[in-house]
N, C-alpha and C. Protein backbone atom coordinates (compact mmCIF):
# COMPACT_ATOMS: atom_id res chain seq x y z
N MET A 1 0.72 -0.91 0.04
CA MET A 1 0.01 0.15 0.18
C MET A 1 0.69 0.88 -0.11
N LEU A 2 0.90 2.00 -0.99
CA LEU A 2 1.60 3.21 -0.87
C LEU A 2 0.89 4.33 -0.31
N ARG A 3 -0.46 4.43 -0.24
CA ARG A 3 -1.27 5.31 0.77
C ARG A 3 -2.55 5.16 0.97
N HIS A 4 -2.34 5.53 2.29
CA HIS A 4 -3.71 4.90 2.80
C HIS A 4 -4.62 6.14 3.84
N GLU A 5 -5.47 6.26 3.45
CA GLU A 5 -6.49 7.75 4.11
C GLU A 5 -7.48 6.19 4.69
N PRO A 6 -7.69 6.19 6.19
CA PRO A 6 -8.40 5.57 6.89
C PRO A 6 -10.21 5.91 6.56
N SER A 7 -10.70 7.08 6.04
CA SER A 7 -12.08 7.14 5.61
C SER A 7 -11.95 7.13 3.93
N ALA A 8 -11.27 6.45 3.20
CA ALA A 8 -11.37 6.47 1.83
C ALA A 8 -12.41 5.39 1.36
N LYS A 9 -13.16 6.18 0.58
CA LYS A 9 -14.30 5.31 -0.51
C LYS A 9 -13.74 4.92 -2.16
N VAL A 10 -12.43 5.56 -2.14
CA VAL A 10 -11.79 5.13 -3.61
C VAL A 10 -10.66 4.62 -3.55
N LEU A 11 -10.65 3.38 -3.97
CA LEU A 11 -9.10 2.50 -4.38
C LEU A 11 -8.40 3.11 -5.48
N ILE A 12 -7.46 3.26 -5.55
CA ILE A 12 -6.76 3.48 -6.60
C ILE A 12 -5.67 2.54 -7.09
N VAL A 13 -5.31 1.57 -8.04
CA VAL A 13 -4.55 0.52 -8.21
C VAL A 13 -3.70 1.03 -9.29
N GLY A 14 -2.73 1.32 -9.29
CA GLY A 14 -1.20 2.02 -10.43
C GLY A 14 -0.63 0.78 -10.05
N TYR A 15 -0.88 0.21 -11.93
CA TYR A 15 0.18 -0.89 -12.38
C TYR A 15 1.60 -0.06 -13.15
N GLY A 16 2.92 -0.57 -12.24
CA GLY A 16 4.20 -0.34 -13.05
C GLY A 16 4.57 1.16 -13.11
N GLN A 17 4.75 1.56 -14.37
CA GLN A 17 4.64 3.04 -15.08
C GLN A 17 3.68 3.94 -14.23
N PHE A 18 2.68 3.33 -13.96
CA PHE A 18 1.32 4.34 -13.67
C PHE A 18 1.17 4.54 -11.96
N VAL A 19 2.07 4.03 -11.42
CA VAL A 19 1.92 4.21 -9.89
C VAL A 19 2.17 5.80 -9.54
N GLY A 20 3.23 6.58 -10.31
CA GLY A 20 3.11 8.01 -9.96
C GLY A 20 2.03 8.48 -10.42
N MET A 21 1.45 8.25 -11.35
CA MET A 21 -0.10 9.15 -12.16
C MET A 21 -1.01 8.57 -10.86
N ALA A 22 -1.12 7.35 -10.56
CA ALA A 22 -1.96 7.03 -9.27
C ALA A 22 -1.75 7.60 -8.21
N LEU A 23 -0.38 7.79 -7.50
CA LEU A 23 -0.50 9.14 -6.65
C LEU A 23 -1.08 10.61 -6.82
N SER A 24 -0.80 11.07 -7.93
CA SER A 24 -1.03 12.20 -8.44
C SER A 24 -2.48 12.35 -8.78
N VAL A 25 -3.16 11.46 -9.04
CA VAL A 25 -4.68 11.24 -8.71
C VAL A 25 -5.22 11.48 -7.32
N ALA A 26 -4.87 10.67 -6.74
CA ALA A 26 -4.92 10.63 -5.13
C ALA A 26 -4.56 12.18 -4.84
N ASP A 27 -3.61 12.52 -4.90
CA ASP A 27 -3.54 14.26 -4.47
C ASP A 27 -4.70 15.01 -5.21
N ARG A 28 -4.97 14.53 -6.48
CA ARG A 28 -5.98 15.58 -6.71
C ARG A 28 -7.02 15.67 -5.81
N LEU A 29 -7.55 14.66 -6.16
CA LEU A 29 -8.84 14.30 -5.22
C LEU A 29 -8.86 14.51 -4.14
N ARG A 30 -8.08 14.25 -3.10
CA ARG A 30 -7.78 14.81 -1.97
C ARG A 30 -7.83 16.44 -1.68
N ASP A 31 -7.45 17.00 -2.95
CA ASP A 31 -7.70 18.30 -2.94
C ASP A 31 -8.91 18.78 -3.23
N GLN A 32 -10.11 18.01 -3.47
CA GLN A 32 -11.21 17.84 -4.03
C GLN A 32 -11.94 17.29 -2.91
N GLY A 33 -11.44 17.01 -1.47
CA GLY A 33 -11.72 16.16 -0.38
C GLY A 33 -12.35 14.65 -0.66
N VAL A 34 -11.69 14.50 -1.56
CA VAL A 34 -12.01 12.72 -1.43
C VAL A 34 -10.93 11.76 -1.23
N ALA A 35 -11.08 11.43 -0.25
CA ALA A 35 -10.30 10.29 0.33
C ALA A 35 -9.76 9.24 -0.67
N ALA A 36 -8.54 8.92 -0.98
CA ALA A 36 -8.38 7.44 -1.55
C ALA A 36 -7.23 6.55 -1.18
N VAL A 37 -6.80 5.93 -1.25
CA VAL A 37 -5.95 4.49 -1.16
C VAL A 37 -5.15 4.11 -2.53
N VAL A 38 -4.13 4.05 -2.05
CA VAL A 38 -3.41 3.92 -3.23
C VAL A 38 -2.53 2.76 -3.37
N VAL A 39 -2.44 1.67 -4.29
CA VAL A 39 -1.66 0.48 -4.14
C VAL A 39 -1.07 0.26 -5.37
N ASP A 40 0.18 -0.69 -5.66
CA ASP A 40 0.85 -1.02 -6.45
C ASP A 40 0.81 -2.38 -6.27
N PRO A 41 0.22 -3.35 -6.86
CA PRO A 41 0.46 -4.91 -6.82
C PRO A 41 1.52 -5.61 -7.63
N LEU A 42 2.21 -6.40 -7.02
CA LEU A 42 3.66 -6.91 -7.26
C LEU A 42 3.16 -7.57 -9.01
N TRP A 43 1.74 -7.86 -9.12
CA TRP A 43 1.61 -8.59 -10.63
C TRP A 43 0.51 -8.05 -10.87
N ALA A 44 0.13 -7.78 -12.48
CA ALA A 44 -1.13 -7.87 -12.91
C ALA A 44 -1.93 -9.10 -12.74
N LEU A 45 -1.61 -10.06 -13.55
CA LEU A 45 -2.49 -11.55 -13.80
C LEU A 45 -1.76 -12.47 -13.35
N PRO A 46 -2.62 -13.24 -12.30
CA PRO A 46 -3.64 -13.45 -12.12
C PRO A 46 -4.32 -12.35 -10.54
N ILE A 47 -5.29 -12.41 -10.98
CA ILE A 47 -5.65 -11.12 -10.16
C ILE A 47 -5.48 -11.53 -8.53
N SER A 48 -4.91 -10.58 -7.66
CA SER A 48 -4.37 -11.39 -6.29
C SER A 48 -5.88 -11.30 -5.57
N PRO A 49 -6.15 -12.34 -5.08
CA PRO A 49 -7.36 -12.59 -4.20
C PRO A 49 -7.55 -11.85 -2.95
N ASP A 50 -6.12 -11.30 -2.42
CA ASP A 50 -6.33 -10.17 -1.36
C ASP A 50 -6.90 -8.86 -1.98
N LEU A 51 -6.42 -8.69 -3.37
CA LEU A 51 -6.44 -7.32 -4.25
C LEU A 51 -7.98 -7.28 -4.49
N VAL A 52 -8.53 -8.32 -4.52
CA VAL A 52 -10.10 -8.53 -5.09
C VAL A 52 -11.12 -8.12 -3.39
N ALA A 53 -10.33 -9.16 -2.25
CA ALA A 53 -10.89 -8.57 -1.61
C ALA A 53 -11.13 -7.23 -0.68
N ALA A 54 -9.76 -6.49 -0.74
CA ALA A 54 -9.86 -5.00 -0.62
C ALA A 54 -10.53 -4.39 -1.10
N ALA A 55 -10.74 -4.59 -2.90
CA ALA A 55 -11.33 -3.52 -3.30
C ALA A 55 -12.94 -3.69 -2.97
N ASP A 56 -13.14 -4.88 -2.32
CA ASP A 56 -14.82 -4.58 -1.84
C ASP A 56 -15.36 -3.80 -0.65
N GLY A 57 -13.98 -3.34 -0.44
CA GLY A 57 -14.70 -2.50 0.97
C GLY A 57 -14.48 -0.97 0.18
N PHE A 58 -14.35 -0.77 -0.97
CA PHE A 58 -14.48 0.94 -1.58
C PHE A 58 -15.75 0.90 -2.71
N ASP A 59 -15.94 2.22 -2.54
CA ASP A 59 -17.13 2.43 -3.41
C ASP A 59 -16.94 2.36 -4.71
N LEU A 60 -15.46 2.65 -5.23
CA LEU A 60 -14.89 3.16 -6.94
C LEU A 60 -13.70 2.67 -6.45
N VAL A 61 -13.33 1.73 -7.66
CA VAL A 61 -12.18 1.21 -7.82
C VAL A 61 -11.55 1.65 -9.27
N LEU A 62 -10.56 2.49 -9.19
CA LEU A 62 -9.62 2.77 -10.42
C LEU A 62 -8.70 2.53 -10.71
N THR A 63 -8.25 1.51 -11.85
CA THR A 63 -6.82 0.85 -11.98
C THR A 63 -6.43 1.45 -13.36
N LEU A 64 -5.26 2.02 -13.11
CA LEU A 64 -4.14 2.69 -14.17
C LEU A 64 -3.12 1.84 -14.63
N GLU A 65 -3.80 1.33 -16.13
CA GLU A 65 -2.82 0.06 -16.46
C GLU A 65 -2.29 0.30 -18.03
N ASP A 66 -1.10 -0.29 -18.48
CA ASP A 66 -0.58 0.14 -20.12
C ASP A 66 -1.15 -1.39 -20.64
N ASN A 67 -2.45 -1.31 -20.73
CA ASN A 67 -2.86 -2.93 -21.08
C ASN A 67 -3.92 -2.75 -22.27
N LEU A 68 -4.81 -3.82 -22.37
CA LEU A 68 -6.08 -4.09 -23.66
C LEU A 68 -7.25 -3.38 -22.72
N VAL A 69 -8.17 -2.99 -23.67
CA VAL A 69 -9.66 -2.44 -22.85
C VAL A 69 -10.28 -3.21 -22.60
N GLU A 70 -10.26 -4.47 -23.18
CA GLU A 70 -11.10 -5.41 -22.68
C GLU A 70 -10.16 -6.51 -22.28
N GLY A 71 -10.27 -7.31 -21.19
CA GLY A 71 -9.71 -8.35 -20.73
C GLY A 71 -8.26 -8.01 -20.02
N ALA A 72 -8.40 -6.48 -19.47
CA ALA A 72 -7.28 -6.08 -18.64
C ALA A 72 -7.36 -6.32 -17.30
N SER A 73 -6.45 -6.15 -16.38
CA SER A 73 -6.64 -6.19 -14.59
C SER A 73 -7.82 -5.61 -14.37
N ALA A 74 -8.38 -4.48 -14.93
CA ALA A 74 -9.51 -4.10 -14.30
C ALA A 74 -10.68 -5.09 -14.34
N SER A 75 -10.95 -5.68 -15.72
CA SER A 75 -11.98 -6.38 -15.96
C SER A 75 -11.62 -7.69 -14.88
N GLY A 76 -10.69 -8.43 -14.83
CA GLY A 76 -10.11 -9.52 -14.11
C GLY A 76 -10.53 -9.09 -12.33
N CYS A 77 -10.35 -7.66 -12.13
CA CYS A 77 -10.65 -7.42 -11.06
C CYS A 77 -12.40 -7.31 -10.75
N ALA A 78 -13.21 -6.87 -11.59
CA ALA A 78 -14.09 -6.53 -11.75
C ALA A 78 -15.23 -7.92 -11.73
N HIS A 79 -14.68 -8.93 -12.82
CA HIS A 79 -14.88 -9.84 -12.84
C HIS A 79 -14.71 -10.70 -11.51
N ALA A 80 -13.72 -10.83 -10.74
CA ALA A 80 -13.47 -11.32 -9.34
C ALA A 80 -14.65 -10.71 -8.36
N SER A 81 -14.98 -9.80 -8.35
CA SER A 81 -15.26 -8.99 -7.37
C SER A 81 -16.97 -8.78 -8.05
N ARG A 82 -17.23 -9.12 -9.04
CA ARG A 82 -18.60 -9.23 -9.68
C ARG A 82 -18.91 -7.85 -9.77
N ARG A 83 -18.37 -6.94 -10.17
CA ARG A 83 -18.37 -5.55 -10.37
C ARG A 83 -18.46 -5.14 -11.97
N PRO A 84 -18.94 -4.15 -12.38
CA PRO A 84 -18.73 -3.91 -13.91
C PRO A 84 -17.48 -3.27 -14.21
N ALA A 85 -16.90 -3.86 -15.28
CA ALA A 85 -15.68 -2.78 -16.00
C ALA A 85 -16.28 -1.91 -16.64
N ARG A 86 -15.68 -0.72 -16.62
CA ARG A 86 -16.03 0.48 -17.82
C ARG A 86 -14.87 1.44 -18.13
N PRO A 87 -14.18 0.54 -19.75
CA PRO A 87 -13.36 1.04 -19.84
C PRO A 87 -13.50 2.71 -20.16
N ARG A 88 -11.85 3.28 -19.61
CA ARG A 88 -12.18 4.62 -20.19
C ARG A 88 -10.73 4.98 -21.08
N GLY A 89 -10.43 4.77 -22.05
CA GLY A 89 -9.21 4.90 -22.86
C GLY A 89 -8.55 3.88 -22.47
N SER A 90 -7.63 4.38 -21.89
CA SER A 90 -6.29 3.43 -21.49
C SER A 90 -6.26 3.51 -19.82
N SER A 91 -7.37 3.45 -19.30
CA SER A 91 -7.63 3.09 -18.12
C SER A 91 -9.01 2.49 -17.95
N HIS A 92 -9.14 2.05 -16.97
CA HIS A 92 -10.39 1.62 -16.54
C HIS A 92 -11.00 1.80 -15.26
N SER A 93 -12.38 1.56 -14.82
CA SER A 93 -13.01 1.68 -13.83
C SER A 93 -13.79 0.64 -13.58
N ALA A 94 -14.00 0.65 -12.20
CA ALA A 94 -15.08 -0.54 -12.03
C ALA A 94 -15.44 -0.06 -10.63
N SER A 95 -17.21 0.17 -10.27
CA SER A 95 -18.00 0.90 -9.46
C SER A 95 -18.73 -0.07 -8.83
N ARG A 96 -19.25 0.23 -7.53
CA ARG A 96 -20.15 -0.49 -6.91
C ARG A 96 -21.43 0.23 -7.36
N SER A 97 -22.87 -0.52 -7.86
CA SER A 97 -24.02 0.49 -8.02
C SER A 97 -24.70 0.47 -6.77
N SER A 98 -24.99 1.71 -6.42
CA SER A 98 -25.97 1.73 -5.28
C SER A 98 -27.20 1.35 -5.72
N SER A 99 -27.60 0.44 -4.31
CA SER A 99 -29.05 -0.18 -4.64
C SER A 99 -29.80 0.99 -3.45
């Protein structure tokens, strides 16, 4: 875990070269009053069960990765946690629907 804020509802997963960007995004979110946790997994696939379990505690999971639009780490994490993956260019996000 690169950054932890106890009240965070946003998890940012920065893979490899995108770790710096993940930290910058967390800074910008904090400036807007949104707390975020930033992690840098050791590997992208297979998705770590620990990462999936951790993601379940957040309202929004954002992955920053250099990968495919479909079938990337975000899709795997979303599938494992049963959340929809929503591609956004070279980054992906999966969010929990409010009921």
